[in-house]
Amino acid sequence: MSSRIPPTKVIPDAPPANILIPPQQTFEHADEERIRTRAHELWEAAGRPDGDGVAYWHQAEREVRGG
């Protein structure tokens, strides 16, 4: 039985090539970064209100993931 490293996919937000991350984790990480960036944009557009920003995160998540 051989132990094989799962293949990786190259995407713009991926970590350096010398770090092996299974493809699903790479895509999840890229989605999370896009969500974080969009949530921050939404929060800034709203005038940087106080609070935990959960509503902005959920809105950004819907936009990024198309839900």
PDB file of N, CA and C in Angstrom:
ATOM      1  N   MET A   1       0.837  -1.171   0.000  1.00  0.00           N
ATOM      2  CA  MET A   1       0.000   0.000   0.000  1.00  0.00           C
ATOM      3  C   MET A   1       0.885   1.239   0.000  1.00  0.00           C
ATOM      4  N   SER A   2       0.684   2.117  -0.986  1.00  0.00           N
ATOM      5  CA  SER A   2       1.532   3.297  -1.042  1.00  0.00           C
ATOM      6  C   SER A   2       0.822   4.489  -0.412  1.00  0.00           C
ATOM      7  N   SER A   3       1.608   5.364   0.189  1.00  0.00           N
ATOM      8  CA  SER A   3       1.021   6.575   0.750  1.00  0.00           C
ATOM      9  C   SER A   3       1.275   7.708  -0.239  1.00  0.00           C
ATOM     10  N   ARG A   4       0.204   8.134  -0.882  1.00  0.00           N
ATOM     11  CA  ARG A   4       0.317   9.191  -1.888  1.00  0.00           C
ATOM     12  C   ARG A   4      -0.176  10.508  -1.311  1.00  0.00           C
ATOM     13  N   ILE A   5       0.454  11.570  -1.728  1.00  0.00           N
ATOM     14  CA  ILE A   5       0.034  12.912  -1.339  1.00  0.00           C
ATOM     15  C   ILE A   5      -1.074  13.325  -2.312  1.00  0.00           C
ATOM     16  N   PRO A   6      -2.195  13.828  -1.800  1.00  0.00           N
ATOM     17  CA  PRO A   6      -3.269  14.215  -2.703  1.00  0.00           C
ATOM     18  C   PRO A   6      -2.813  15.355  -3.616  1.00  0.00           C
ATOM     19  N   PRO A   7      -3.325  15.408  -4.831  1.00  0.00           N
ATOM     20  CA  PRO A   7      -2.918  16.473  -5.750  1.00  0.00           C
ATOM     21  C   PRO A   7      -3.405  17.835  -5.251  1.00  0.00           C
ATOM     22  N   THR A   8      -2.714  18.859  -5.654  1.00  0.00           N
ATOM     23  CA  THR A   8      -3.120  20.218  -5.298  1.00  0.00           C
ATOM     24  C   THR A   8      -3.566  20.943  -6.556  1.00  0.00           C
ATOM     25  N   LYS A   9      -4.369  21.961  -6.379  1.00  0.00           N
ATOM     26  CA  LYS A   9      -4.823  22.776  -7.496  1.00  0.00           C
ATOM     27  C   LYS A   9      -4.227  24.163  -7.328  1.00  0.00           C
ATOM     28  N   VAL A  10      -3.897  24.789  -8.437  1.00  0.00           N
ATOM     29  CA  VAL A  10      -3.300  26.113  -8.380  1.00  0.00           C
ATOM     30  C   VAL A  10      -4.398  27.149  -8.583  1.00  0.00           C
ATOM     31  N   ILE A  11      -4.541  28.025  -7.602  1.00  0.00           N
ATOM     32  CA  ILE A  11      -5.467  29.141  -7.698  1.00  0.00           C
ATOM     33  C   ILE A  11      -4.744  30.378  -7.195  1.00  0.00           C
ATOM     34  N   PRO A  12      -5.192  31.568  -7.592  1.00  0.00           N
ATOM     35  CA  PRO A  12      -4.460  32.786  -7.226  1.00  0.00           C
ATOM     36  C   PRO A  12      -4.240  32.981  -5.735  1.00  0.00           C
ATOM     37  N   ASP A  13      -5.189  32.606  -4.889  1.00  0.00           N
ATOM     38  CA  ASP A  13      -5.072  32.840  -3.455  1.00  0.00           C
ATOM     39  C   ASP A  13      -4.402  31.690  -2.709  1.00  0.00           C
ATOM     40  N   ALA A  14      -3.870  30.732  -3.440  1.00  0.00           N
ATOM     41  CA  ALA A  14      -3.294  29.549  -2.811  1.00  0.00           C
ATOM     42  C   ALA A  14      -1.961  29.870  -2.138  1.00  0.00           C
ATOM     43  N   PRO A  15      -1.594  29.081  -1.136  1.00  0.00           N
ATOM     44  CA  PRO A  15      -0.287  29.247  -0.507  1.00  0.00           C
ATOM     45  C   PRO A  15       0.831  28.858  -1.477  1.00  0.00           C
ATOM     46  N   PRO A  16       2.071  29.144  -1.131  1.00  0.00           N
ATOM     47  CA  PRO A  16       3.190  28.787  -2.017  1.00  0.00           C
ATOM     48  C   PRO A  16       3.169  27.305  -2.388  1.00  0.00           C
ATOM     49  N   ALA A  17       3.711  26.997  -3.547  1.00  0.00           N
ATOM     50  CA  ALA A  17       3.673  25.639  -4.094  1.00  0.00           C
ATOM     51  C   ALA A  17       4.372  24.610  -3.204  1.00  0.00           C
ATOM     52  N   ASN A  18       5.312  25.035  -2.371  1.00  0.00           N
ATOM     53  CA  ASN A  18       6.026  24.072  -1.541  1.00  0.00           C
ATOM     54  C   ASN A  18       5.234  23.642  -0.310  1.00  0.00           C
ATOM     55  N   ILE A  19       4.038  24.210  -0.113  1.00  0.00           N
ATOM     56  CA  ILE A  19       3.168  23.807   0.987  1.00  0.00           C
ATOM     57  C   ILE A  19       2.028  23.004   0.388  1.00  0.00           C
ATOM     58  N   LEU A  20       1.954  21.718   0.743  1.00  0.00           N
ATOM     59  CA  LEU A  20       0.924  20.857   0.178  1.00  0.00           C
ATOM     60  C   LEU A  20      -0.338  20.904   1.033  1.00  0.00           C
ATOM     61  N   ILE A  21      -1.428  21.321   0.405  1.00  0.00           N
ATOM     62  CA  ILE A  21      -2.728  21.388   1.060  1.00  0.00           C
ATOM     63  C   ILE A  21      -3.708  20.673   0.154  1.00  0.00           C
ATOM     64  N   PRO A  22      -4.526  19.783   0.682  1.00  0.00           N
ATOM     65  CA  PRO A  22      -5.515  19.118  -0.159  1.00  0.00           C
ATOM     66  C   PRO A  22      -6.390  20.148  -0.870  1.00  0.00           C
ATOM     67  N   PRO A  23      -6.816  19.869  -2.103  1.00  0.00           N
ATOM     68  CA  PRO A  23      -7.566  20.840  -2.903  1.00  0.00           C
ATOM     69  C   PRO A  23      -8.773  21.452  -2.201  1.00  0.00           C
ATOM     70  N   GLN A  24      -9.565  20.671  -1.501  1.00  0.00           N
ATOM     71  CA  GLN A  24     -10.765  21.209  -0.863  1.00  0.00           C
ATOM     72  C   GLN A  24     -10.408  22.273   0.167  1.00  0.00           C
ATOM     73  N   GLN A  25      -9.351  22.038   0.930  1.00  0.00           N
ATOM     74  CA  GLN A  25      -8.934  23.028   1.915  1.00  0.00           C
ATOM     75  C   GLN A  25      -8.458  24.297   1.229  1.00  0.00           C
ATOM     76  N   THR A  26      -7.785  24.169   0.098  1.00  0.00           N
ATOM     77  CA  THR A  26      -7.306  25.335  -0.637  1.00  0.00           C
ATOM     78  C   THR A  26      -8.480  26.181  -1.100  1.00  0.00           C
ATOM     79  N   PHE A  27      -9.509  25.540  -1.663  1.00  0.00           N
ATOM     80  CA  PHE A  27     -10.670  26.296  -2.137  1.00  0.00           C
ATOM     81  C   PHE A  27     -11.422  26.923  -0.985  1.00  0.00           C
ATOM     82  N   GLU A  28     -11.539  26.217   0.132  1.00  0.00           N
ATOM     83  CA  GLU A  28     -12.211  26.777   1.301  1.00  0.00           C
ATOM     84  C   GLU A  28     -11.457  27.997   1.805  1.00  0.00           C
ATOM     85  N   HIS A  29     -10.139  27.918   1.827  1.00  0.00           N
ATOM     86  CA  HIS A  29      -9.324  29.045   2.276  1.00  0.00           C
ATOM     87  C   HIS A  29      -9.514  30.239   1.344  1.00  0.00           C
ATOM     88  N   ALA A  30      -9.518  30.001   0.047  1.00  0.00           N
ATOM     89  CA  ALA A  30      -9.692  31.088  -0.920  1.00  0.00           C
ATOM     90  C   ALA A  30     -11.066  31.722  -0.749  1.00  0.00           C
ATOM     91  N   ASP A  31     -12.106  30.911  -0.556  1.00  0.00           N
ATOM     92  CA  ASP A  31     -13.452  31.440  -0.316  1.00  0.00           C
ATOM     93  C   ASP A  31     -13.473  32.288   0.948  1.00  0.00           C
ATOM     94  N   GLU A  32     -12.850  31.793   1.994  1.00  0.00           N
ATOM     95  CA  GLU A  32     -12.848  32.528   3.255  1.00  0.00           C
ATOM     96  C   GLU A  32     -12.165  33.885   3.097  1.00  0.00           C
ATOM     97  N   GLU A  33     -11.079  33.936   2.361  1.00  0.00           N
ATOM     98  CA  GLU A  33     -10.391  35.206   2.136  1.00  0.00           C
ATOM     99  C   GLU A  33     -11.265  36.176   1.349  1.00  0.00           C
ATOM    100  N   ARG A  34     -11.963  35.675   0.314  1.00  0.00           N
ATOM    101  CA  ARG A  34     -12.859  36.535  -0.461  1.00  0.00           C
ATOM    102  C   ARG A  34     -14.026  37.022   0.407  1.00  0.00           C
ATOM    103  N   ILE A  35     -14.545  36.144   1.244  1.00  0.00           N
ATOM    104  CA  ILE A  35     -15.641  36.533   2.141  1.00  0.00           C
ATOM    105  C   ILE A  35     -15.157  37.601   3.116  1.00  0.00           C
ATOM    106  N   ARG A  36     -13.987  37.393   3.696  1.00  0.00           N
ATOM    107  CA  ARG A  36     -13.432  38.351   4.650  1.00  0.00           C
ATOM    108  C   ARG A  36     -13.246  39.722   3.998  1.00  0.00           C
ATOM    109  N   THR A  37     -12.706  39.726   2.789  1.00  0.00           N
ATOM    110  CA  THR A  37     -12.483  40.987   2.078  1.00  0.00           C
ATOM    111  C   THR A  37     -13.801  41.683   1.779  1.00  0.00           C
ATOM    112  N   ARG A  38     -14.788  40.927   1.284  1.00  0.00           N
ATOM    113  CA  ARG A  38     -16.086  41.520   0.945  1.00  0.00           C
ATOM    114  C   ARG A  38     -16.803  42.019   2.194  1.00  0.00           C
ATOM    115  N   ALA A  39     -16.745  41.254   3.292  1.00  0.00           N
ATOM    116  CA  ALA A  39     -17.384  41.678   4.543  1.00  0.00           C
ATOM    117  C   ALA A  39     -16.771  42.990   5.025  1.00  0.00           C
ATOM    118  N   HIS A  40     -15.478  43.120   4.893  1.00  0.00           N
ATOM    119  CA  HIS A  40     -14.810  44.359   5.298  1.00  0.00           C
ATOM    120  C   HIS A  40     -15.266  45.524   4.423  1.00  0.00           C
ATOM    121  N   GLU A  41     -15.397  45.289   3.120  1.00  0.00           N
ATOM    122  CA  GLU A  41     -15.894  46.334   2.209  1.00  0.00           C
ATOM    123  C   GLU A  41     -17.303  46.765   2.608  1.00  0.00           C
ATOM    124  N   LEU A  42     -18.159  45.798   2.909  1.00  0.00           N
ATOM    125  CA  LEU A  42     -19.536  46.107   3.310  1.00  0.00           C
ATOM    126  C   LEU A  42     -19.566  46.902   4.614  1.00  0.00           C
ATOM    127  N   TRP A  43     -18.738  46.503   5.565  1.00  0.00           N
ATOM    128  CA  TRP A  43     -18.660  47.183   6.859  1.00  0.00           C
ATOM    129  C   TRP A  43     -18.177  48.629   6.673  1.00  0.00           C
ATOM    130  N   GLU A  44     -17.153  48.810   5.836  1.00  0.00           N
ATOM    131  CA  GLU A  44     -16.661  50.166   5.580  1.00  0.00           C
ATOM    132  C   GLU A  44     -17.727  51.015   4.893  1.00  0.00           C
ATOM    133  N   ALA A  45     -18.438  50.429   3.915  1.00  0.00           N
ATOM    134  CA  ALA A  45     -19.486  51.158   3.193  1.00  0.00           C
ATOM    135  C   ALA A  45     -20.623  51.573   4.129  1.00  0.00           C
ATOM    136  N   ALA A  46     -20.816  50.817   5.207  1.00  0.00           N
ATOM    137  CA  ALA A  46     -21.865  51.127   6.177  1.00  0.00           C
ATOM    138  C   ALA A  46     -21.400  52.155   7.210  1.00  0.00           C
ATOM    139  N   GLY A  47     -20.177  52.651   7.064  1.00  0.00           N
ATOM    140  CA  GLY A  47     -19.666  53.663   7.982  1.00  0.00           C
ATOM    141  C   GLY A  47     -18.932  53.113   9.187  1.00  0.00           C
ATOM    142  N   ARG A  48     -18.452  51.875   9.089  1.00  0.00           N
ATOM    143  CA  ARG A  48     -17.686  51.228  10.162  1.00  0.00           C
ATOM    144  C   ARG A  48     -18.412  51.233  11.506  1.00  0.00           C
ATOM    145  N   PRO A  49     -19.640  50.730  11.531  1.00  0.00           N
ATOM    146  CA  PRO A  49     -20.383  50.745  12.799  1.00  0.00           C
ATOM    147  C   PRO A  49     -19.798  49.786  13.829  1.00  0.00           C
ATOM    148  N   ASP A  50     -20.104  50.072  15.102  1.00  0.00           N
ATOM    149  CA  ASP A  50     -19.687  49.182  16.187  1.00  0.00           C
ATOM    150  C   ASP A  50     -20.460  47.872  16.084  1.00  0.00           C
ATOM    151  N   GLY A  51     -19.923  46.841  16.682  1.00  0.00           N
ATOM    152  CA  GLY A  51     -20.586  45.542  16.689  1.00  0.00           C
ATOM    153  C   GLY A  51     -19.659  44.471  16.176  1.00  0.00           C
ATOM    154  N   ASP A  52     -20.182  43.259  16.135  1.00  0.00           N
ATOM    155  CA  ASP A  52     -19.334  42.134  15.761  1.00  0.00           C
ATOM    156  C   ASP A  52     -19.269  41.888  14.253  1.00  0.00           C
ATOM    157  N   GLY A  53     -20.127  42.505  13.446  1.00  0.00           N
ATOM    158  CA  GLY A  53     -20.044  42.389  11.994  1.00  0.00           C
ATOM    159  C   GLY A  53     -20.577  41.101  11.412  1.00  0.00           C
ATOM    160  N   VAL A  54     -21.292  40.318  12.209  1.00  0.00           N
ATOM    161  CA  VAL A  54     -21.796  39.033  11.726  1.00  0.00           C
ATOM    162  C   VAL A  54     -22.693  39.218  10.504  1.00  0.00           C
ATOM    163  N   ALA A  55     -23.527  40.251  10.520  1.00  0.00           N
ATOM    164  CA  ALA A  55     -24.436  40.482   9.396  1.00  0.00           C
ATOM    165  C   ALA A  55     -23.652  40.725   8.106  1.00  0.00           C
ATOM    166  N   TYR A  56     -22.532  41.437   8.198  1.00  0.00           N
ATOM    167  CA  TYR A  56     -21.707  41.696   7.012  1.00  0.00           C
ATOM    168  C   TYR A  56     -21.049  40.415   6.517  1.00  0.00           C
ATOM    169  N   TRP A  57     -20.620  39.584   7.461  1.00  0.00           N
ATOM    170  CA  TRP A  57     -20.008  38.305   7.098  1.00  0.00           C
ATOM    171  C   TRP A  57     -21.026  37.442   6.345  1.00  0.00           C
ATOM    172  N   HIS A  58     -22.245  37.352   6.876  1.00  0.00           N
ATOM    173  CA  HIS A  58     -23.264  36.516   6.238  1.00  0.00           C
ATOM    174  C   HIS A  58     -23.644  37.048   4.857  1.00  0.00           C
ATOM    175  N   GLN A  59     -23.742  38.368   4.735  1.00  0.00           N
ATOM    176  CA  GLN A  59     -24.049  38.944   3.430  1.00  0.00           C
ATOM    177  C   GLN A  59     -22.923  38.650   2.440  1.00  0.00           C
ATOM    178  N   ALA A  60     -21.694  38.826   2.870  1.00  0.00           N
ATOM    179  CA  ALA A  60     -20.542  38.553   2.006  1.00  0.00           C
ATOM    180  C   ALA A  60     -20.495  37.079   1.625  1.00  0.00           C
ATOM    181  N   GLU A  61     -20.803  36.215   2.568  1.00  0.00           N
ATOM    182  CA  GLU A  61     -20.801  34.777   2.309  1.00  0.00           C
ATOM    183  C   GLU A  61     -21.837  34.426   1.232  1.00  0.00           C
ATOM    184  N   ARG A  62     -23.018  35.031   1.330  1.00  0.00           N
ATOM    185  CA  ARG A  62     -24.051  34.788   0.309  1.00  0.00           C
ATOM    186  C   ARG A  62     -23.581  35.271  -1.071  1.00  0.00           C
ATOM    187  N   GLU A  63     -22.962  36.442  -1.090  1.00  0.00           N
ATOM    188  CA  GLU A  63     -22.477  36.986  -2.361  1.00  0.00           C
ATOM    189  C   GLU A  63     -21.387  36.110  -2.979  1.00  0.00           C
ATOM    190  N   VAL A  64     -20.419  35.712  -2.172  1.00  0.00           N
ATOM    191  CA  VAL A  64     -19.278  34.931  -2.676  1.00  0.00           C
ATOM    192  C   VAL A  64     -19.703  33.532  -3.100  1.00  0.00           C
ATOM    193  N   ARG A  65     -20.533  32.906  -2.288  1.00  0.00           N
ATOM    194  CA  ARG A  65     -20.916  31.522  -2.565  1.00  0.00           C
ATOM    195  C   ARG A  65     -22.205  31.405  -3.379  1.00  0.00           C
ATOM    196  N   GLY A  66     -22.803  32.555  -3.698  1.00  0.00           N
ATOM    197  CA  GLY A  66     -23.989  32.550  -4.536  1.00  0.00           C
ATOM    198  C   GLY A  66     -25.225  31.980  -3.860  1.00  0.00           C
ATOM    199  N   GLY A  67     -25.325  32.137  -2.534  1.00  0.00           N
ATOM    200  CA  GLY A  67     -26.441  31.554  -1.803  1.00  0.00           C
ATOM    201  C   GLY A  67     -27.427  32.499  -1.404  1.00  0.00           C
TER     202      GLY A  67
END
